[in-house]
């Protein structure tokens, strides 16, 4: 069951990864993480953020092995420069001695409708108001506020790892100031909690320049961590 919980959490990492100081700023670069559970390294993650064709694009690849299951998940999120949605794609494979499974999903937004294609069926539903494919907007809002505990921002999020038929209310909250020791350098940072409701909560440690040093997920009482190894802008 620990493997299932980890799959749920890691299937949409990029949805909580992007940081922005304002609607006009997007932290570009390549970021490499170790994936750990209960202190043991299980795999790695690479996340790339870039400006492309007038939009913001966040691409990620996460690979790990746990309880005999090897998982590789690739994601791409494209947003406009005001963080409004353009498209979301994921390609996930799960392999063990007993089974091979693959999930491909593409979503896009047009004319107030959210479209979803899993390779077999095309469905659509009305978004019912503004929403985002990631937490960019919330982080942009909260990190533009005074850095005091309790500062928060909310929006609607489409996260297929949690719900594929509707958008969900989500909230980011500043829960404290911390220092990070990154390769011998002490860095001032903030603890931000992204709350998607009972199924998903993610705590991030992020500095003023948009570098996320650490993620902590708690699912079914098991703590999973992503820890920054290196990055290049």
Protein backbone atom coordinates (compact mmCIF):
# COMPACT_ATOMS: atom_id res chain seq x y z
CA UNK A 1 0.00 0.00 0.00
CA UNK A 2 2.95 2.35 0.52
CA UNK A 3 3.76 2.07 -3.16
CA UNK A 4 0.18 2.97 -4.10
CA UNK A 5 0.28 6.02 -1.86
CA UNK A 6 3.54 7.18 -3.37
CA UNK A 7 2.18 6.74 -6.89
CA UNK A 8 -0.79 8.95 -6.00
CA UNK A 9 1.43 11.72 -4.71
CA UNK A 10 4.19 11.65 -7.32
CA UNK A 11 1.87 11.38 -10.30
CA UNK A 12 1.49 15.15 -10.41
CA UNK A 13 4.54 16.75 -8.86
CA UNK A 14 4.86 19.50 -11.40
CA UNK A 15 1.45 20.75 -10.34
CA UNK A 16 2.97 22.06 -7.14
CA UNK A 17 6.43 22.92 -8.32
CA UNK A 18 6.32 26.24 -10.11
CA UNK A 19 7.06 29.46 -8.21
CA UNK A 20 6.44 33.03 -9.37
CA UNK A 21 6.99 36.33 -7.58
CA UNK A 22 4.45 38.16 -9.73
CA UNK A 23 2.25 37.49 -12.73
CA UNK A 24 5.12 38.63 -14.95
CA UNK A 25 7.83 36.43 -13.41
CA UNK A 26 8.51 32.75 -13.92
CA UNK A 27 11.51 30.96 -12.39
CA UNK A 28 13.16 29.12 -15.27
CA UNK A 29 15.85 26.46 -14.98
CA UNK A 30 16.54 22.75 -14.55
CA UNK A 31 16.14 21.20 -11.09
CA UNK A 32 17.24 17.72 -9.94
CA UNK A 33 15.82 16.00 -6.85
CA UNK A 34 16.26 12.80 -4.88
CA UNK A 35 13.04 10.98 -3.98
CA UNK A 36 13.11 9.52 -0.46
CA UNK A 37 10.70 7.70 1.79
CA UNK A 38 11.46 7.11 5.47
CA UNK A 39 14.94 8.45 4.75
CA UNK A 40 15.72 5.91 2.02
CA UNK A 41 16.42 7.06 -1.53
CA UNK A 42 14.02 5.41 -3.98
CA UNK A 43 14.63 7.37 -7.16
CA UNK A 44 15.08 10.76 -8.73
CA UNK A 45 13.15 13.60 -10.35
CA UNK A 46 14.07 16.19 -12.95
CA UNK A 47 11.99 19.33 -13.47
CA UNK A 48 12.53 21.91 -16.20
CA UNK A 49 10.78 25.29 -16.37
CA UNK A 50 11.05 27.47 -19.44
CA UNK A 51 9.43 30.14 -21.56
CA UNK A 52 8.34 28.67 -24.87
CA UNK A 53 6.27 30.17 -27.68
CA UNK A 54 4.98 32.94 -25.44
CA UNK A 55 3.86 30.56 -22.69
CA UNK A 56 5.30 29.02 -19.52
CA UNK A 57 6.12 25.32 -19.80
CA UNK A 58 6.94 23.00 -16.91
CA UNK A 59 8.23 19.51 -17.77
CA UNK A 60 9.03 16.80 -15.25
CA UNK A 61 10.22 13.20 -15.18
CA UNK A 62 10.09 11.12 -12.01
CA UNK A 63 11.54 7.61 -11.77
CA UNK A 64 11.60 5.33 -8.72
CA UNK A 65 11.37 1.71 -7.62
CA UNK A 66 9.43 0.54 -4.59
CA UNK A 67 8.05 -2.82 -3.46
CA UNK A 68 8.99 -4.39 -6.78
CA UNK A 69 7.28 -1.71 -8.89
CA UNK A 70 9.30 0.47 -11.25
CA UNK A 71 7.56 3.73 -12.15
CA UNK A 72 8.43 6.42 -14.68
CA UNK A 73 6.10 9.41 -14.96
CA UNK A 74 6.51 12.27 -17.42
CA UNK A 75 4.43 15.45 -17.33
CA UNK A 76 4.17 18.69 -19.24
CA UNK A 77 2.09 21.68 -18.13
CA UNK A 78 1.67 24.71 -20.41
CA UNK A 79 0.22 27.97 -19.10
CA UNK A 80 -0.15 31.50 -20.35
CA UNK A 81 1.93 34.24 -18.75
CA UNK A 82 -0.98 35.06 -16.40
CA UNK A 83 -1.00 31.34 -15.41
CA UNK A 84 -4.32 30.63 -17.12
CA UNK A 85 -4.47 27.05 -18.49
CA UNK A 86 -3.39 25.90 -21.94
CA UNK A 87 -2.68 22.16 -21.72
CA UNK A 88 -1.62 19.30 -19.48
CA UNK A 89 -0.09 15.96 -20.52
CA UNK A 90 1.08 12.94 -18.56
CA UNK A 91 2.60 9.61 -19.56
CA UNK A 92 3.08 7.13 -16.72
CA UNK A 93 4.33 3.53 -16.82
CA UNK A 94 4.34 0.97 -13.98
CA UNK A 95 6.23 -2.31 -14.34
CA UNK A 96 6.67 -5.31 -12.04
CA UNK A 97 7.18 -9.07 -12.41
CA UNK A 98 3.40 -9.50 -12.42
CA UNK A 99 2.09 -6.64 -14.57
CA UNK A 100 2.81 -3.81 -16.96
CA UNK A 101 0.57 -0.75 -16.92
CA UNK A 102 0.64 2.53 -18.81
CA UNK A 103 -1.47 5.66 -18.51
CA UNK A 104 -1.48 8.51 -21.02
CA UNK A 105 -3.65 11.55 -20.49
CA UNK A 106 -3.99 14.89 -22.23
CA UNK A 107 -6.11 17.83 -21.15
CA UNK A 108 -6.66 21.26 -22.67
CA UNK A 109 -8.88 24.25 -22.09
CA UNK A 110 -10.92 26.08 -24.76
CA UNK A 111 -14.15 28.11 -24.83
CA UNK A 112 -14.81 27.60 -21.09
CA UNK A 113 -14.60 23.80 -21.48
CA UNK A 114 -12.01 21.44 -20.03
CA UNK A 115 -11.22 18.59 -22.43
CA UNK A 116 -9.75 15.25 -21.39
CA UNK A 117 -8.40 12.51 -23.68
CA UNK A 118 -7.09 9.22 -22.25
CA UNK A 119 -6.39 7.66 -25.66
CA UNK A 120 -9.73 5.88 -25.75
CA UNK A 121 -12.34 8.46 -24.83
CA UNK A 122 -12.64 12.22 -25.28
CA UNK A 123 -14.71 13.92 -22.60
CA UNK A 124 -15.39 17.52 -21.71
CA UNK A 125 -17.03 19.47 -18.95
CA UNK A 126 -17.60 23.13 -18.22
CA UNK A 127 -14.94 24.48 -15.91
CA UNK A 128 -17.45 26.63 -14.04
CA UNK A 129 -15.04 29.48 -13.45
CA UNK A 130 -11.32 30.30 -13.57
CA UNK A 131 -8.93 27.45 -12.72
CA UNK A 132 -5.25 26.50 -13.07
CA UNK A 133 -3.23 23.41 -13.95
CA UNK A 134 -0.67 24.23 -11.27
CA UNK A 135 -0.17 26.25 -8.09
CA UNK A 136 1.79 29.01 -9.89
CA UNK A 137 -0.91 31.57 -9.33
CA UNK A 138 -1.31 30.88 -5.61
CA UNK A 139 2.42 30.95 -4.98
CA UNK A 140 2.73 34.18 -6.92
CA UNK A 141 0.03 35.74 -4.77
CA UNK A 142 1.22 34.49 -1.40
CA UNK A 143 4.88 35.34 -1.97
CA UNK A 144 3.99 38.88 -2.97
CA UNK A 145 2.43 39.38 0.48
CA UNK A 146 4.33 40.24 3.69
CA UNK A 147 6.13 37.13 4.87
CA UNK A 148 4.02 36.48 7.94
CA UNK A 149 2.57 33.20 9.11
CA UNK A 150 -1.00 32.69 8.01
CA UNK A 151 -0.81 34.62 4.73
CA UNK A 152 -2.74 32.58 2.17
CA UNK A 153 -4.18 32.45 -1.33
CA UNK A 154 -6.76 30.17 -2.95
CA UNK A 155 -7.86 29.12 -6.43
CA UNK A 156 -9.42 26.21 -8.31
CA UNK A 157 -7.01 23.50 -9.54
CA UNK A 158 -7.44 20.70 -12.04
CA UNK A 159 -5.35 17.81 -10.69
CA UNK A 160 -6.08 14.46 -12.39
CA UNK A 161 -4.13 12.62 -9.67
CA UNK A 162 -6.97 13.55 -7.31
CA UNK A 163 -10.06 14.10 -9.49
CA UNK A 164 -10.51 13.87 -13.27
CA UNK A 165 -14.12 15.05 -13.60
CA UNK A 166 -14.00 18.45 -11.95
CA UNK A 167 -11.76 21.18 -10.63
CA UNK A 168 -10.98 21.32 -6.91
CA UNK A 169 -10.56 24.17 -4.44
CA UNK A 170 -6.94 24.52 -3.33
CA UNK A 171 -5.14 26.75 -0.88
CA UNK A 172 -1.53 27.80 -0.32
CA UNK A 173 -0.50 29.12 3.08
CA UNK A 174 2.71 30.58 4.47
CA UNK A 175 3.38 28.54 7.61
CA UNK A 176 6.79 29.81 8.72
CA UNK A 177 10.28 31.09 7.92
CA UNK A 178 13.22 28.68 7.90
CA UNK A 179 16.87 28.48 6.92
CA UNK A 180 18.19 25.91 4.45
CA UNK A 181 21.74 24.56 4.33
CA UNK A 182 22.32 23.98 0.63
CA UNK A 183 25.83 22.76 -0.17
CA UNK A 184 27.26 24.59 2.83
CA UNK A 185 25.43 27.86 2.17
CA UNK A 186 22.75 29.07 4.60
CA UNK A 187 19.70 30.39 2.73
CA UNK A 188 16.63 32.16 4.08
CA UNK A 189 13.46 30.41 2.92
CA UNK A 190 9.73 30.01 3.53
CA UNK A 191 7.60 27.00 4.39
CA UNK A 192 4.51 26.90 2.15
CA UNK A 193 1.69 24.40 2.59
CA UNK A 194 -0.39 23.50 -0.48
CA UNK A 195 -3.69 21.95 0.61
CA UNK A 196 -5.87 20.07 -1.89
CA UNK A 197 -8.18 18.65 0.76
CA UNK A 198 -8.05 15.27 2.54
CA UNK A 199 -6.30 13.40 -0.29
CA UNK A 200 -3.31 15.61 -0.90
CA UNK A 201 -1.19 18.02 1.15
CA UNK A 202 2.29 19.14 0.18
CA UNK A 203 4.72 21.25 2.18
CA UNK A 204 7.42 23.11 0.24
CA UNK A 205 10.53 24.99 1.31
CA UNK A 206 11.17 27.80 -1.20
CA UNK A 207 13.45 30.84 -1.30
CA UNK A 208 12.76 34.35 -2.61
CA UNK A 209 14.30 33.45 -5.99
CA UNK A 210 11.88 30.63 -6.61
CA UNK A 211 14.11 27.64 -5.84
CA UNK A 212 12.20 24.84 -4.10
CA UNK A 213 14.66 22.93 -1.90
CA UNK A 214 12.37 20.41 -0.33
CA UNK A 215 8.93 18.80 -0.62
CA UNK A 216 7.23 16.77 2.10
CA UNK A 217 4.10 14.71 1.37
CA UNK A 218 2.11 12.77 3.97
CA UNK A 219 -0.21 10.07 2.62
CA UNK A 220 -1.67 7.33 4.83
CA UNK A 221 0.79 8.24 7.57
CA UNK A 222 3.84 7.73 5.32
CA UNK A 223 6.17 10.70 4.74
CA UNK A 224 7.63 11.08 1.27
CA UNK A 225 10.28 13.66 0.50
CA UNK A 226 11.83 15.26 -2.57
CA UNK A 227 15.16 16.91 -1.80
CA UNK A 228 17.01 19.26 -4.16
CA UNK A 229 20.36 17.91 -5.36
CA UNK A 230 21.33 20.52 -7.97
CA UNK A 231 19.90 23.17 -10.26
CA UNK A 232 20.95 25.41 -13.12
CA UNK A 233 19.24 28.55 -14.39
